[in-house]
């Protein structure tokens, strides 16, 4: 009996030690970050268009998954919705060869992209993978996967101008550090060239360029010609061409914001250029319609108009004394229609808009900035009253000429009828020349304002 009791005590002690060790191994002390060791896999049951349906898998919205075929081929996907026990996924990469009944494995952790000064000069895709054949990415830190939000009352107000190196923008549409503007343009009016000029001429510390949904040929041309070696040296380029899956384009847009936020948190003044906001909206439309969301405005589901401000609001100033993100988002106006749903929504959530005119481009005026149709909402807060008055005088002269252009062209207007119209006719060539600027001709903020004074004061305007 004594031996039996001793044996039972030893077994109980061994059991207690085993449970204690297993508990320390399986359950961390901080149960809020507990990650299960075993992951329940599901099976692919349906494929319609680009929407994949799976059963038996437990995954949350936005979680990354792997679709594993019988031959071992893996396709990356992301959860975009669910209905009952069914989970809807969309592929992030090409998904040729997906088989019925393929295994669906949710991923508990996502790969973090290295980031730091070493990232400057690199070109990556929406997953943070290098596209430039310069080897793996290196960095002193890793990019945080969760989006950051800043209390609006904690943001530093827009109070300092930023030099973008473009005379018409510096003097007539002054951009504040931390401002968000839209670049509204149709196809083929020079928006990519204007973006490339800003990347080379700007006074910002770091430039983040997002090429979202553009043709693959344009990505190469923008990097080699518009951006150039000088611009690329202090830039990070995130590219997701038009042939990428919609989710890849969405991820590329969000990655641009994350990279810009990282450098802003380091105290840098960042210039974010995203080409284009329209392609981002179209990618979100494809995803939303694929999971069954009904269209609302001209084929765009309501979620598109909810996503736009969520993306745009991530730019701007940080807390006082910190860094900033000054953002330019290009907006494609189909058929040069400024009342397009995306264009109309973008104007409402941005701090100003710069319109590129096809008429000016056809007349050989580059950059083809339509000064009359453009506005910077932050300009009254960042320039002196004298500069603001000169800008208004410039616009008034230009508007007066355009209003009477038909009469002037057919010779129906007689000189001397109106002194201000006479002045606008005399100064119009100088006004138009002021907007023109060479691709390799940077003009500083101070020089832009001085040249504006010369154009107006030479004839007492």
Protein backbone atom coordinates (compact mmCIF):
# COMPACT_ATOMS: atom_id res chain seq x y z
CA UNK A 1 0.00 0.00 0.00
CA UNK A 2 2.79 2.41 0.88
CA UNK A 3 4.50 1.70 -2.43
CA UNK A 4 1.26 2.36 -4.33
CA UNK A 5 0.76 5.70 -2.59
CA UNK A 6 4.32 6.73 -3.39
CA UNK A 7 3.81 5.76 -7.04
CA UNK A 8 0.58 7.80 -7.25
CA UNK A 9 2.31 10.84 -5.74
CA UNK A 10 5.13 10.59 -8.29
CA UNK A 11 2.61 10.32 -11.17
CA UNK A 12 0.66 13.32 -9.87
CA UNK A 13 3.88 15.34 -9.61
CA UNK A 14 4.88 14.42 -13.16
CA UNK A 15 1.39 15.36 -14.42
CA UNK A 16 1.51 18.68 -12.60
CA UNK A 17 4.93 19.52 -14.06
CA UNK A 18 3.82 18.51 -17.55
CA UNK A 19 0.68 20.69 -17.40
CA UNK A 20 2.67 23.63 -16.10
CA UNK A 21 5.27 23.32 -18.84
CA UNK A 22 2.66 22.83 -21.55
CA UNK A 23 0.68 25.80 -20.29
CA UNK A 24 3.74 28.04 -20.48
CA UNK A 25 4.51 26.72 -23.95
CA UNK A 26 1.03 26.96 -25.50
CA UNK A 27 -0.60 29.91 -23.75
CA UNK A 28 1.51 33.05 -23.41
CA UNK A 29 1.07 35.20 -20.35
CA UNK A 30 -0.52 37.93 -22.44
CA UNK A 31 -3.60 36.09 -23.67
CA UNK A 32 -4.65 39.08 -25.81
CA UNK A 33 -1.94 38.19 -28.34
CA UNK A 34 -2.59 34.47 -28.29
CA UNK A 35 -2.17 32.86 -31.72
CA UNK A 36 -3.42 29.30 -32.19
CA UNK A 37 -0.78 26.82 -33.15
CA UNK A 38 -3.12 24.84 -35.40
CA UNK A 39 -5.02 26.49 -38.26
CA UNK A 40 -8.27 25.04 -39.60
CA UNK A 41 -8.18 24.75 -43.38
CA UNK A 42 -11.18 24.86 -45.69
CA UNK A 43 -12.01 23.76 -49.22
CA UNK A 44 -12.71 25.74 -52.37
CA UNK A 45 -16.30 25.11 -53.46
CA UNK A 46 -17.10 27.72 -56.13
CA UNK A 47 -15.47 30.14 -58.54
CA UNK A 48 -17.45 32.84 -60.36
CA UNK A 49 -15.52 35.52 -62.23
CA UNK A 50 -12.81 36.58 -59.80
CA UNK A 51 -14.74 35.60 -56.65
CA UNK A 52 -13.75 32.41 -54.85
CA UNK A 53 -16.04 30.70 -52.31
CA UNK A 54 -14.70 28.47 -49.59
CA UNK A 55 -16.27 26.45 -46.77
CA UNK A 56 -14.81 25.16 -43.53
CA UNK A 57 -12.30 27.97 -43.12
CA UNK A 58 -12.42 30.50 -40.29
CA UNK A 59 -10.92 33.80 -41.39
CA UNK A 60 -11.70 37.44 -40.74
CA UNK A 61 -12.36 40.18 -43.28
CA UNK A 62 -9.14 41.31 -44.95
CA UNK A 63 -7.16 38.26 -43.77
CA UNK A 64 -4.69 36.76 -46.22
CA UNK A 65 -5.12 33.16 -47.28
CA UNK A 66 -3.36 30.62 -49.48
CA UNK A 67 -5.17 28.44 -52.01
CA UNK A 68 -3.22 25.19 -52.40
CA UNK A 69 -3.93 22.95 -55.38
CA UNK A 70 -3.30 19.24 -55.54
CA UNK A 71 -0.08 19.80 -57.49
CA UNK A 72 1.25 22.09 -54.75
CA UNK A 73 0.72 25.35 -56.64
CA UNK A 74 -0.12 28.21 -54.24
CA UNK A 75 -2.29 31.24 -55.03
CA UNK A 76 -2.42 34.20 -52.66
CA UNK A 77 -5.91 35.51 -51.85
CA UNK A 78 -7.68 37.78 -49.38
CA UNK A 79 -11.03 37.54 -47.61
CA UNK A 80 -13.40 40.18 -49.01
CA UNK A 81 -16.71 39.00 -47.54
CA UNK A 82 -18.74 36.13 -46.11
CA UNK A 83 -22.28 34.77 -46.01
CA UNK A 84 -23.19 32.22 -43.37
CA UNK A 85 -20.51 29.53 -43.42
CA UNK A 86 -19.23 30.62 -46.83
CA UNK A 87 -16.18 32.84 -47.12
CA UNK A 88 -15.60 34.97 -50.23
CA UNK A 89 -12.05 35.48 -51.40
CA UNK A 90 -10.38 37.31 -54.26
CA UNK A 91 -6.93 36.50 -55.63
CA UNK A 92 -4.10 38.95 -55.10
CA UNK A 93 -2.02 37.42 -57.88
CA UNK A 94 -2.87 35.46 -61.05
CA UNK A 95 -4.94 32.37 -60.26
CA UNK A 96 -4.77 30.20 -63.36
CA UNK A 97 -5.04 26.50 -62.60
CA UNK A 98 -7.19 26.73 -59.46
CA UNK A 99 -8.97 23.39 -58.90
CA UNK A 100 -12.32 22.55 -57.26
CA UNK A 101 -11.79 21.37 -53.70
CA UNK A 102 -8.42 23.09 -53.38
CA UNK A 103 -7.26 23.64 -49.81
CA UNK A 104 -7.74 27.14 -48.37
CA UNK A 105 -5.33 27.95 -45.57
CA UNK A 106 -5.68 31.24 -43.63
CA UNK A 107 -2.43 32.95 -42.70
CA UNK A 108 -2.08 34.12 -39.12
CA UNK A 109 0.84 36.45 -39.75
CA UNK A 110 1.75 38.71 -42.66
CA UNK A 111 5.27 39.34 -43.93
CA UNK A 112 6.53 42.77 -42.88
CA UNK A 113 8.35 44.90 -45.45
CA UNK A 114 11.77 46.28 -44.42
CA UNK A 115 11.88 50.06 -44.47
CA UNK A 116 14.34 52.82 -43.75
CA UNK A 117 16.72 55.07 -45.69
CA UNK A 118 17.77 52.01 -47.71
CA UNK A 119 14.32 51.89 -49.33
CA UNK A 120 14.93 55.13 -51.24
CA UNK A 121 15.51 54.53 -54.94
CA UNK A 122 13.61 51.22 -54.95
CA UNK A 123 10.55 50.13 -56.93
CA UNK A 124 8.16 47.65 -55.28
CA UNK A 125 4.75 46.13 -55.99
CA UNK A 126 1.65 46.16 -53.80
CA UNK A 127 2.99 43.32 -51.63
CA UNK A 128 6.25 45.14 -50.95
CA UNK A 129 8.24 42.88 -53.26
CA UNK A 130 11.02 44.48 -55.34
CA UNK A 131 10.42 45.00 -59.06
CA UNK A 132 13.74 46.62 -59.93
CA UNK A 133 16.06 43.57 -59.88
CA UNK A 134 18.29 45.25 -57.28
CA UNK A 135 18.13 42.43 -54.79
CA UNK A 136 16.07 41.99 -51.63
CA UNK A 137 14.85 44.98 -49.67
CA UNK A 138 16.85 46.06 -46.65
CA UNK A 139 15.99 48.44 -43.86
CA UNK A 140 16.57 49.27 -40.24
CA UNK A 141 12.88 48.84 -39.40
CA UNK A 142 9.76 46.98 -40.51
CA UNK A 143 6.60 48.56 -41.84
CA UNK A 144 3.59 48.45 -39.55
CA UNK A 145 0.72 46.62 -41.25
CA UNK A 146 -2.07 48.42 -39.38
CA UNK A 147 -3.19 51.85 -40.67
CA UNK A 148 -2.53 54.80 -38.40
CA UNK A 149 -5.06 57.43 -37.49
CA UNK A 150 -4.32 60.85 -36.05
CA UNK A 151 -6.73 62.84 -33.94
CA UNK A 152 -7.71 65.83 -36.10
CA UNK A 153 -7.17 68.13 -33.13
CA UNK A 154 -3.60 66.85 -32.80
CA UNK A 155 -2.59 67.75 -36.35
CA UNK A 156 -0.41 70.77 -36.96
CA UNK A 157 -2.38 73.31 -39.07
CA UNK A 158 -1.29 74.10 -42.63
CA UNK A 159 0.73 77.29 -42.31
CA UNK A 160 3.91 76.92 -44.40
CA UNK A 161 4.15 76.84 -48.20
CA UNK A 162 5.87 73.95 -49.96
CA UNK A 163 7.97 74.57 -53.03
CA UNK A 164 7.00 72.15 -55.82
CA UNK A 165 9.21 73.82 -58.44
CA UNK A 166 6.27 74.65 -60.77
CA UNK A 167 5.85 78.41 -61.32
CA UNK A 168 2.09 78.43 -61.93
CA UNK A 169 1.44 76.30 -58.83
CA UNK A 170 3.87 78.13 -56.55
CA UNK A 171 2.55 81.61 -57.36
CA UNK A 172 -1.10 81.10 -58.33
CA UNK A 173 -2.09 77.88 -56.53
CA UNK A 174 0.30 77.86 -53.58
CA UNK A 175 0.51 74.49 -51.85
CA UNK A 176 0.81 74.28 -48.06
CA UNK A 177 2.91 71.71 -46.27
CA UNK A 178 0.46 68.94 -45.37
CA UNK A 179 -2.14 69.90 -47.97
CA UNK A 180 -3.98 67.37 -50.16
CA UNK A 181 -4.80 68.34 -53.73
CA UNK A 182 -6.32 66.68 -56.74
CA UNK A 183 -4.79 66.82 -60.21
CA UNK A 184 -7.79 66.57 -62.55
CA UNK A 185 -6.93 65.59 -66.11
CA UNK A 186 -8.11 63.61 -69.07
CA UNK A 187 -5.88 61.23 -70.94
CA UNK A 188 -2.87 62.62 -72.78
CA UNK A 189 -2.70 66.15 -71.34
CA UNK A 190 0.63 65.82 -69.51
CA UNK A 191 -0.21 64.77 -65.96
CA UNK A 192 2.62 62.20 -65.78
CA UNK A 193 5.13 64.79 -66.98
CA UNK A 194 3.89 67.27 -64.37
CA UNK A 195 4.22 64.65 -61.62
CA UNK A 196 7.75 63.86 -62.75
CA UNK A 197 8.68 67.56 -62.66
CA UNK A 198 7.40 67.85 -59.09
CA UNK A 199 9.37 64.81 -57.94
CA UNK A 200 12.60 66.36 -59.25
CA UNK A 201 11.98 69.99 -58.27
CA UNK A 202 10.19 69.75 -54.92
CA UNK A 203 11.72 70.88 -51.63
CA UNK A 204 10.28 67.83 -49.82
CA UNK A 205 12.71 65.50 -48.06
CA UNK A 206 11.25 62.28 -49.50
CA UNK A 207 8.90 61.52 -52.39
CA UNK A 208 6.56 58.50 -52.46
CA UNK A 209 5.11 57.75 -55.90
CA UNK A 210 2.19 55.39 -56.45
CA UNK A 211 1.55 54.23 -60.03
CA UNK A 212 -1.83 52.56 -59.67
CA UNK A 213 -3.57 50.95 -62.62
CA UNK A 214 -1.36 52.54 -65.28
CA UNK A 215 -0.10 50.75 -68.39
CA UNK A 216 3.05 48.73 -67.79
CA UNK A 217 4.87 50.70 -70.48
CA UNK A 218 4.07 53.96 -68.69
CA UNK A 219 5.56 52.66 -65.44
CA UNK A 220 8.95 52.13 -67.10
CA UNK A 221 8.78 55.44 -68.98
CA UNK A 222 7.83 57.39 -65.87
CA UNK A 223 10.76 55.99 -63.89
CA UNK A 224 13.31 56.44 -66.69
CA UNK A 225 12.18 59.72 -68.26
CA UNK A 226 9.75 61.65 -66.03
CA UNK A 227 11.36 60.73 -62.71
CA UNK A 228 14.96 60.26 -63.79
CA UNK A 229 17.94 59.18 -61.71
CA UNK A 230 17.89 62.39 -59.67
CA UNK A 231 14.25 62.03 -58.70
CA UNK A 232 14.47 58.29 -58.05
CA UNK A 233 17.38 58.74 -55.63
CA UNK A 234 15.09 60.26 -52.99
CA UNK A 235 11.89 58.45 -53.96
CA UNK A 236 10.08 55.22 -53.26
CA UNK A 237 7.95 53.96 -56.16
CA UNK A 238 5.03 51.57 -55.64
CA UNK A 239 3.72 50.20 -58.94
CA UNK A 240 0.63 48.11 -59.67
CA UNK A 241 0.00 48.11 -63.45
CA UNK A 242 -3.42 47.75 -65.05
CA UNK A 243 -3.01 43.99 -65.56
CA UNK A 244 -2.63 43.37 -61.82
CA UNK A 245 -5.58 42.00 -59.86
CA UNK A 246 -7.90 44.59 -58.23
CA UNK A 247 -6.70 43.62 -54.75
CA UNK A 248 -3.09 44.20 -55.77
CA UNK A 249 -4.01 47.72 -56.92
CA UNK A 250 -5.79 48.37 -53.63
CA UNK A 251 -2.84 47.07 -51.64
CA UNK A 252 -0.43 49.21 -53.65
CA UNK A 253 -2.48 52.33 -52.86
CA UNK A 254 -2.51 51.51 -49.16
CA UNK A 255 1.20 50.68 -49.20
CA UNK A 256 1.93 54.18 -50.56
CA UNK A 257 0.15 55.66 -47.54
CA UNK A 258 1.95 53.37 -45.10
CA UNK A 259 5.38 54.23 -46.50
CA UNK A 260 4.59 57.96 -46.43
CA UNK A 261 3.28 57.66 -42.86
CA UNK A 262 6.46 55.93 -41.74
CA UNK A 263 8.70 58.72 -43.03
CA UNK A 264 6.33 61.36 -41.64
CA UNK A 265 6.64 59.74 -38.21
CA UNK A 266 10.41 60.06 -38.60
CA UNK A 267 9.96 63.86 -38.85
CA UNK A 268 10.38 64.04 -42.64
CA UNK A 269 8.42 66.26 -45.02
CA UNK A 270 7.00 63.80 -47.55
CA UNK A 271 5.48 64.47 -50.97
CA UNK A 272 2.99 61.74 -51.88
CA UNK A 273 2.04 61.46 -55.56
CA UNK A 274 -0.64 58.89 -56.40
CA UNK A 275 -1.54 58.26 -60.03
CA UNK A 276 -4.39 57.70 -59.90
CA UNK A 277 -7.20 57.98 -57.36
CA UNK A 278 -9.66 56.97 -60.08
CA UNK A 279 -7.91 53.62 -60.64
CA UNK A 280 -8.10 53.00 -56.88
CA UNK A 281 -11.85 53.65 -56.97
CA UNK A 282 -12.29 51.38 -59.98
CA UNK A 283 -10.41 48.56 -58.24
CA UNK A 284 -12.65 48.92 -55.20
CA UNK A 285 -15.69 48.88 -57.49
CA UNK A 286 -14.56 45.58 -59.02
CA UNK A 287 -14.15 44.01 -55.60
CA UNK A 288 -17.46 45.31 -54.25
CA UNK A 289 -19.51 44.26 -57.27
CA UNK A 290 -17.89 40.81 -57.26
CA UNK A 291 -19.13 40.09 -53.73
CA UNK A 292 -22.64 41.27 -54.52
CA UNK A 293 -22.78 44.90 -53.39
CA UNK A 294 -25.39 46.74 -55.48
CA UNK A 295 -24.23 49.63 -57.69
CA UNK A 296 -25.43 53.12 -56.78
CA UNK A 297 -24.00 56.11 -58.66
CA UNK A 298 -23.11 55.35 -62.29
CA UNK A 299 -22.06 51.81 -61.44
CA UNK A 300 -20.08 52.69 -58.29
CA UNK A 301 -21.20 50.94 -55.07
CA UNK A 302 -21.53 53.01 -51.87
CA UNK A 303 -18.37 51.45 -50.36
CA UNK A 304 -16.25 53.22 -52.99
CA UNK A 305 -17.28 56.64 -51.71
CA UNK A 306 -16.57 55.49 -48.14
CA UNK A 307 -13.10 54.25 -49.04
CA UNK A 308 -11.96 57.46 -50.77
CA UNK A 309 -11.95 59.73 -47.68
CA UNK A 310 -10.48 56.92 -45.57
CA UNK A 311 -7.50 56.83 -47.93
CA UNK A 312 -7.11 60.59 -48.41
CA UNK A 313 -7.38 61.45 -44.70
CA UNK A 314 -4.23 59.47 -43.96
CA UNK A 315 -2.18 62.24 -45.56
CA UNK A 316 -1.60 65.62 -43.95
CA UNK A 317 0.45 67.04 -41.10
CA UNK A 318 1.43 65.12 -38.02
CA UNK A 319 1.54 66.57 -34.50
CA UNK A 320 3.24 69.99 -34.06
CA UNK A 321 6.99 69.71 -34.54
CA UNK A 322 6.69 66.49 -36.53
CA UNK A 323 6.70 65.59 -40.18
CA UNK A 324 4.10 66.06 -42.90
CA UNK A 325 2.59 64.41 -45.98
CA UNK A 326 1.73 66.75 -48.83
CA UNK A 327 -0.31 64.72 -51.30
CA UNK A 328 -1.27 65.05 -54.96
CA UNK A 329 -3.86 62.60 -56.27
CA UNK A 330 -4.51 62.47 -59.99
CA UNK A 331 -8.16 62.10 -60.95
CA UNK A 332 -9.01 60.93 -64.47
CA UNK A 333 -11.94 62.83 -65.95
CA UNK A 334 -13.53 60.56 -68.55
CA UNK A 335 -14.37 62.64 -71.60
CA UNK A 336 -12.99 65.69 -69.73
CA UNK A 337 -16.16 65.60 -67.60
CA UNK A 338 -15.46 67.27 -64.24
CA UNK A 339 -18.88 66.07 -62.99
CA UNK A 340 -17.78 62.43 -63.05
CA UNK A 341 -18.82 60.77 -59.72
CA UNK A 342 -15.23 60.15 -58.61
CA UNK A 343 -14.11 63.64 -59.66
CA UNK A 344 -17.04 65.24 -57.87
CA UNK A 345 -16.42 63.23 -54.71
CA UNK A 346 -12.68 63.95 -54.78
CA UNK A 347 -13.25 67.71 -55.01
CA UNK A 348 -15.33 67.54 -51.85
CA UNK A 349 -12.73 65.74 -49.73
CA UNK A 350 -9.53 67.39 -51.00
CA UNK A 351 -8.01 70.75 -50.05
CA UNK A 352 -8.03 72.04 -53.61
CA UNK A 353 -7.87 70.94 -57.22
CA UNK A 354 -5.64 71.67 -60.20
CA UNK A 355 -7.29 71.17 -63.58
CA UNK A 356 -5.27 70.33 -66.69
CA UNK A 357 -6.97 71.61 -69.83
CA UNK A 358 -6.97 69.72 -73.12
CA UNK A 359 -7.49 73.03 -74.92
CA UNK A 360 -4.27 74.42 -73.47
CA UNK A 361 -2.40 71.21 -74.28
CA UNK A 362 -3.57 71.45 -77.89
CA UNK A 363 -2.29 75.04 -77.98
CA UNK A 364 1.15 73.85 -76.82
CA UNK A 365 0.91 75.26 -73.28
CA UNK A 366 2.69 72.88 -70.91
CA UNK A 367 2.02 72.28 -68.11
CA UNK A 368 -1.58 72.75 -69.30
CA UNK A 369 -2.85 74.20 -65.99
CA UNK A 370 -6.24 75.87 -66.28
CA UNK A 371 -5.70 78.62 -63.71
CA UNK A 372 -9.32 79.79 -63.84
CA UNK A 373 -10.76 76.35 -63.02
CA UNK A 374 -8.17 75.54 -60.33
CA UNK A 375 -8.06 76.56 -56.68
CA UNK A 376 -5.97 75.97 -53.57
CA UNK A 377 -8.14 76.18 -50.46
CA UNK A 378 -5.15 76.57 -48.14
CA UNK A 379 -3.56 79.43 -50.09
CA UNK A 380 -5.14 82.31 -48.07
CA UNK A 381 -3.56 80.88 -44.90
CA UNK A 382 -0.01 80.46 -46.21
CA UNK A 383 0.71 83.50 -48.41
CA UNK A 384 0.88 87.22 -47.69
CA UNK A 385 -2.10 89.48 -48.50
CA UNK A 386 -0.01 91.09 -51.27
CA UNK A 387 0.66 87.74 -52.97
CA UNK A 388 -2.99 86.79 -52.64
CA UNK A 389 -4.03 90.07 -54.25
CA UNK A 390 -1.60 89.55 -57.15
CA UNK A 391 -2.99 86.07 -57.74
CA UNK A 392 -6.51 87.49 -57.91
CA UNK A 393 -5.37 90.17 -60.37
CA UNK A 394 -3.78 87.52 -62.58
CA UNK A 395 -6.99 85.47 -62.61
CA UNK A 396 -9.11 88.54 -63.30
CA UNK A 397 -7.01 89.51 -66.31
CA UNK A 398 -7.06 85.98 -67.67
CA UNK A 399 -10.82 85.58 -67.11
CA UNK A 400 -11.56 88.93 -68.77
CA UNK A 401 -9.65 87.94 -71.88
CA UNK A 402 -11.32 84.50 -72.07
CA UNK A 403 -14.80 86.03 -71.67
CA UNK A 404 -14.21 88.39 -74.58
CA UNK A 405 -12.06 86.07 -76.68
CA UNK A 406 -14.72 85.48 -79.35
CA UNK A 407 -15.35 89.19 -79.84
CA UNK A 408 -11.62 89.83 -80.01
CA UNK A 409 -11.04 87.01 -82.49
CA UNK A 410 -13.65 88.22 -85.00
CA UNK A 411 -12.66 91.86 -84.62
CA UNK A 412 -15.95 92.94 -83.05
CA UNK A 413 -14.25 94.55 -80.06
CA UNK A 414 -12.89 98.08 -80.55
CA UNK A 415 -9.84 99.14 -78.62
CA UNK A 416 -10.60 101.84 -76.07
CA UNK A 417 -14.10 100.60 -75.24
CA UNK A 418 -12.96 99.16 -71.88
CA UNK A 419 -9.58 99.93 -70.33
CA UNK A 420 -9.36 96.63 -68.44
CA UNK A 421 -10.20 94.58 -71.53
CA UNK A 422 -7.50 96.50 -73.38
CA UNK A 423 -5.06 95.64 -70.60
CA UNK A 424 -6.05 91.95 -70.66
CA UNK A 425 -5.49 91.84 -74.44
CA UNK A 426 -2.09 93.43 -74.05
CA UNK A 427 -1.00 91.20 -71.17
CA UNK A 428 -2.48 87.89 -72.37
CA UNK A 429 0.71 86.65 -74.13
CA UNK A 430 2.67 87.35 -70.92
CA UNK A 431 0.05 85.61 -68.78
CA UNK A 432 0.15 82.53 -70.98
CA UNK A 433 3.94 82.55 -71.01
CA UNK A 434 3.91 82.67 -67.20
CA UNK A 435 2.02 79.35 -67.08
CA UNK A 436 4.43 77.68 -69.53
CA UNK A 437 7.50 75.96 -68.12
CA UNK A 438 10.13 73.63 -69.51
CA UNK A 439 10.43 70.05 -68.31
CA UNK A 440 13.98 70.66 -67.03
CA UNK A 441 13.42 74.18 -65.72
CA UNK A 442 12.87 74.30 -61.93
CA UNK A 443 11.53 77.61 -60.60
CA UNK A 444 11.65 78.18 -56.85
CA UNK A 445 8.83 79.54 -54.74
CA UNK A 446 10.53 82.93 -54.28
CA UNK A 447 11.35 83.28 -57.99
CA UNK A 448 7.79 82.36 -58.94
CA UNK A 449 6.33 85.18 -56.84
CA UNK A 450 8.90 87.68 -58.11
CA UNK A 451 8.09 86.81 -61.73
CA UNK A 452 4.38 87.17 -60.98
CA UNK A 453 4.99 90.71 -59.71
CA UNK A 454 6.96 91.51 -62.85
CA UNK A 455 4.17 90.27 -65.12
CA UNK A 456 1.53 92.35 -63.35
CA UNK A 457 3.45 95.50 -62.37
CA UNK A 458 5.04 96.07 -65.75
CA UNK A 459 1.76 97.56 -66.92
CA UNK A 460 0.23 98.63 -63.65
CA UNK A 461 -2.27 95.82 -63.35
